[in-house]
Amino acid sequence: MTDFVVNVPLRDSVEQSRFVAVLDAFAERRSSACDNSEDAFVIVRTEIVDGAVRKTVIFQEQDAAEHFIALWDDGRAA
């Protein structure tokens, strides 16, 4: 099985809050759209390097990763 990895650097607390909101919205949409709850499986890791926060989001499906990226692009600019 191939994992699809998305790295999201977060510059400040505002972006961190937006990330959480986007991740929540993504999870809600995916869980309501999936017949099998395992299809909505996502792993999120937090790394802090030199004081900078980076989230690594791991998906089982490419379309889920692409959907999240689209949501994040919209949410980050909000």
N, C-alpha and C. Protein backbone atom coordinates (compact mmCIF):
# COMPACT_ATOMS: atom_id res chain seq x y z
N MET A 1 0.85 -1.18 0.00
CA MET A 1 0.00 0.00 0.00
C MET A 1 0.89 1.24 0.00
N THR A 2 0.53 2.21 -0.81
CA THR A 2 1.28 3.45 -0.91
C THR A 2 0.62 4.51 -0.04
N ASP A 3 1.45 5.24 0.69
CA ASP A 3 0.96 6.38 1.46
C ASP A 3 1.21 7.65 0.68
N PHE A 4 0.34 8.62 0.86
CA PHE A 4 0.47 9.92 0.21
C PHE A 4 0.72 10.94 1.32
N VAL A 5 1.87 11.60 1.25
CA VAL A 5 2.34 12.47 2.33
C VAL A 5 2.27 13.93 1.91
N VAL A 6 1.68 14.74 2.78
CA VAL A 6 1.60 16.18 2.55
C VAL A 6 2.28 16.88 3.73
N ASN A 7 3.31 17.68 3.44
CA ASN A 7 3.99 18.46 4.48
C ASN A 7 3.45 19.88 4.48
N VAL A 8 3.08 20.35 5.66
CA VAL A 8 2.48 21.69 5.79
C VAL A 8 3.28 22.49 6.82
N PRO A 9 4.14 23.39 6.35
CA PRO A 9 4.83 24.26 7.31
C PRO A 9 3.85 25.33 7.81
N LEU A 10 3.89 25.59 9.10
CA LEU A 10 2.99 26.57 9.70
C LEU A 10 3.83 27.71 10.28
N ARG A 11 3.60 28.91 9.78
CA ARG A 11 4.43 30.06 10.14
C ARG A 11 4.10 30.67 11.50
N ASP A 12 2.84 30.58 11.91
CA ASP A 12 2.45 31.25 13.15
C ASP A 12 1.20 30.59 13.73
N SER A 13 0.74 31.11 14.86
CA SER A 13 -0.41 30.52 15.54
C SER A 13 -1.70 30.66 14.72
N VAL A 14 -1.78 31.69 13.90
CA VAL A 14 -2.96 31.87 13.04
C VAL A 14 -3.03 30.73 12.03
N GLU A 15 -1.90 30.42 11.39
CA GLU A 15 -1.88 29.30 10.44
C GLU A 15 -2.13 27.97 11.15
N GLN A 16 -1.65 27.83 12.37
CA GLN A 16 -1.90 26.60 13.12
C GLN A 16 -3.39 26.43 13.38
N SER A 17 -4.07 27.51 13.75
CA SER A 17 -5.52 27.46 13.97
C SER A 17 -6.26 27.14 12.67
N ARG A 18 -5.82 27.75 11.58
CA ARG A 18 -6.44 27.46 10.28
C ARG A 18 -6.23 26.01 9.88
N PHE A 19 -5.04 25.48 10.15
CA PHE A 19 -4.76 24.08 9.84
C PHE A 19 -5.74 23.16 10.57
N VAL A 20 -5.94 23.40 11.85
CA VAL A 20 -6.86 22.58 12.65
C VAL A 20 -8.28 22.67 12.08
N ALA A 21 -8.71 23.86 11.72
CA ALA A 21 -10.06 24.03 11.15
C ALA A 21 -10.19 23.30 9.82
N VAL A 22 -9.16 23.39 8.97
CA VAL A 22 -9.19 22.70 7.68
C VAL A 22 -9.18 21.19 7.87
N LEU A 23 -8.35 20.71 8.79
CA LEU A 23 -8.29 19.28 9.05
C LEU A 23 -9.63 18.77 9.58
N ASP A 24 -10.26 19.52 10.47
CA ASP A 24 -11.58 19.14 10.98
C ASP A 24 -12.61 19.10 9.85
N ALA A 25 -12.61 20.12 9.00
CA ALA A 25 -13.56 20.16 7.88
C ALA A 25 -13.31 18.99 6.92
N PHE A 26 -12.05 18.72 6.65
CA PHE A 26 -11.70 17.60 5.78
C PHE A 26 -12.21 16.28 6.37
N ALA A 27 -11.94 16.05 7.64
CA ALA A 27 -12.34 14.80 8.28
C ALA A 27 -13.86 14.65 8.28
N GLU A 28 -14.56 15.73 8.54
CA GLU A 28 -16.02 15.69 8.55
C GLU A 28 -16.57 15.34 7.17
N ARG A 29 -16.05 15.98 6.15
CA ARG A 29 -16.52 15.71 4.78
C ARG A 29 -16.19 14.29 4.34
N ARG A 30 -14.97 13.84 4.64
CA ARG A 30 -14.56 12.50 4.21
C ARG A 30 -15.34 11.43 4.95
N SER A 31 -15.57 11.60 6.24
CA SER A 31 -16.27 10.56 6.99
C SER A 31 -17.72 10.45 6.56
N SER A 32 -18.34 11.56 6.18
CA SER A 32 -19.73 11.49 5.72
C SER A 32 -19.82 10.94 4.31
N ALA A 33 -18.73 11.06 3.54
CA ALA A 33 -18.74 10.58 2.15
C ALA A 33 -18.30 9.13 2.01
N CYS A 34 -17.67 8.58 3.04
CA CYS A 34 -17.11 7.22 2.96
C CYS A 34 -18.09 6.20 3.53
N ASP A 35 -18.27 5.11 2.80
CA ASP A 35 -19.09 4.01 3.31
C ASP A 35 -18.37 3.26 4.41
N ASN A 36 -17.05 3.16 4.29
CA ASN A 36 -16.23 2.43 5.23
C ASN A 36 -15.39 3.44 6.00
N SER A 37 -15.48 3.43 7.33
CA SER A 37 -14.76 4.42 8.13
C SER A 37 -13.25 4.31 7.95
N GLU A 38 -12.74 3.15 7.55
CA GLU A 38 -11.30 3.01 7.32
C GLU A 38 -10.84 3.81 6.12
N ASP A 39 -11.74 4.13 5.19
CA ASP A 39 -11.39 4.93 4.02
C ASP A 39 -11.05 6.36 4.40
N ALA A 40 -11.47 6.81 5.57
CA ALA A 40 -11.22 8.17 6.00
C ALA A 40 -9.96 8.28 6.87
N PHE A 41 -9.17 7.23 6.95
CA PHE A 41 -8.02 7.15 7.83
C PHE A 41 -6.95 8.17 7.44
N VAL A 42 -6.48 8.94 8.42
CA VAL A 42 -5.45 9.95 8.21
C VAL A 42 -4.53 9.93 9.43
N ILE A 43 -3.23 10.11 9.20
CA ILE A 43 -2.27 10.25 10.28
C ILE A 43 -1.70 11.66 10.21
N VAL A 44 -1.60 12.33 11.36
CA VAL A 44 -1.02 13.67 11.42
C VAL A 44 0.12 13.64 12.43
N ARG A 45 1.29 14.07 11.98
CA ARG A 45 2.46 14.20 12.86
C ARG A 45 2.83 15.66 12.97
N THR A 46 3.33 16.05 14.13
CA THR A 46 3.80 17.41 14.33
C THR A 46 5.30 17.35 14.59
N GLU A 47 6.04 18.17 13.83
CA GLU A 47 7.47 18.28 14.03
C GLU A 47 7.80 19.74 14.33
N ILE A 48 8.71 19.94 15.26
CA ILE A 48 9.19 21.29 15.56
C ILE A 48 10.69 21.29 15.33
N VAL A 49 11.10 22.06 14.35
CA VAL A 49 12.51 22.15 13.99
C VAL A 49 12.94 23.60 14.07
N ASP A 50 13.91 23.89 14.93
CA ASP A 50 14.40 25.25 15.13
C ASP A 50 13.26 26.22 15.42
N GLY A 51 12.29 25.78 16.20
CA GLY A 51 11.17 26.62 16.60
C GLY A 51 10.05 26.72 15.58
N ALA A 52 10.24 26.15 14.40
CA ALA A 52 9.20 26.19 13.36
C ALA A 52 8.37 24.90 13.42
N VAL A 53 7.07 25.05 13.28
CA VAL A 53 6.15 23.91 13.33
C VAL A 53 5.86 23.43 11.92
N ARG A 54 5.89 22.11 11.75
CA ARG A 54 5.51 21.52 10.47
C ARG A 54 4.60 20.33 10.76
N LYS A 55 3.49 20.28 10.06
CA LYS A 55 2.57 19.15 10.15
C LYS A 55 2.82 18.25 8.95
N THR A 56 2.86 16.97 9.20
CA THR A 56 2.95 15.97 8.15
C THR A 56 1.65 15.18 8.19
N VAL A 57 0.92 15.22 7.09
CA VAL A 57 -0.38 14.54 7.02
C VAL A 57 -0.22 13.38 6.04
N ILE A 58 -0.59 12.18 6.49
CA ILE A 58 -0.41 10.97 5.69
C ILE A 58 -1.77 10.39 5.36
N PHE A 59 -1.99 10.16 4.07
CA PHE A 59 -3.26 9.64 3.58
C PHE A 59 -3.05 8.28 2.94
N GLN A 60 -4.11 7.49 2.87
CA GLN A 60 -4.06 6.19 2.21
C GLN A 60 -4.47 6.30 0.74
N GLU A 61 -5.13 7.39 0.39
CA GLU A 61 -5.63 7.54 -0.98
C GLU A 61 -5.17 8.88 -1.55
N GLN A 62 -4.78 8.85 -2.82
CA GLN A 62 -4.31 10.06 -3.48
C GLN A 62 -5.41 11.11 -3.57
N ASP A 63 -6.64 10.69 -3.86
CA ASP A 63 -7.72 11.68 -3.98
C ASP A 63 -7.99 12.37 -2.65
N ALA A 64 -7.79 11.67 -1.54
CA ALA A 64 -7.96 12.29 -0.22
C ALA A 64 -6.87 13.34 0.00
N ALA A 65 -5.64 13.01 -0.37
CA ALA A 65 -4.54 13.97 -0.24
C ALA A 65 -4.80 15.21 -1.10
N GLU A 66 -5.25 15.00 -2.33
CA GLU A 66 -5.54 16.12 -3.22
C GLU A 66 -6.68 16.97 -2.69
N HIS A 67 -7.70 16.33 -2.13
CA HIS A 67 -8.83 17.06 -1.55
C HIS A 67 -8.34 17.92 -0.37
N PHE A 68 -7.51 17.34 0.49
CA PHE A 68 -6.98 18.09 1.62
C PHE A 68 -6.15 19.29 1.15
N ILE A 69 -5.29 19.07 0.16
CA ILE A 69 -4.46 20.16 -0.36
C ILE A 69 -5.33 21.30 -0.88
N ALA A 70 -6.39 20.96 -1.60
CA ALA A 70 -7.30 21.99 -2.11
C ALA A 70 -7.96 22.75 -0.96
N LEU A 71 -8.40 22.04 0.07
CA LEU A 71 -9.00 22.70 1.23
C LEU A 71 -7.98 23.59 1.93
N TRP A 72 -6.75 23.09 2.08
CA TRP A 72 -5.71 23.85 2.76
C TRP A 72 -5.37 25.12 1.96
N ASP A 73 -5.27 25.00 0.65
CA ASP A 73 -4.98 26.18 -0.17
C ASP A 73 -6.05 27.25 0.04
N ASP A 74 -7.30 26.84 0.10
CA ASP A 74 -8.40 27.80 0.34
C ASP A 74 -8.37 28.32 1.78
N GLY A 75 -8.17 27.41 2.74
CA GLY A 75 -8.21 27.78 4.16
C GLY A 75 -7.05 28.63 4.60
N ARG A 76 -5.89 28.40 4.03
CA ARG A 76 -4.69 29.18 4.39
C ARG A 76 -4.86 30.64 3.98
N ALA A 77 -5.53 30.85 2.87
CA ALA A 77 -5.70 32.22 2.36
C ALA A 77 -6.84 32.96 3.04
N ALA A 78 -7.66 32.24 3.81
CA ALA A 78 -8.85 32.86 4.42
C ALA A 78 -8.50 33.89 5.46
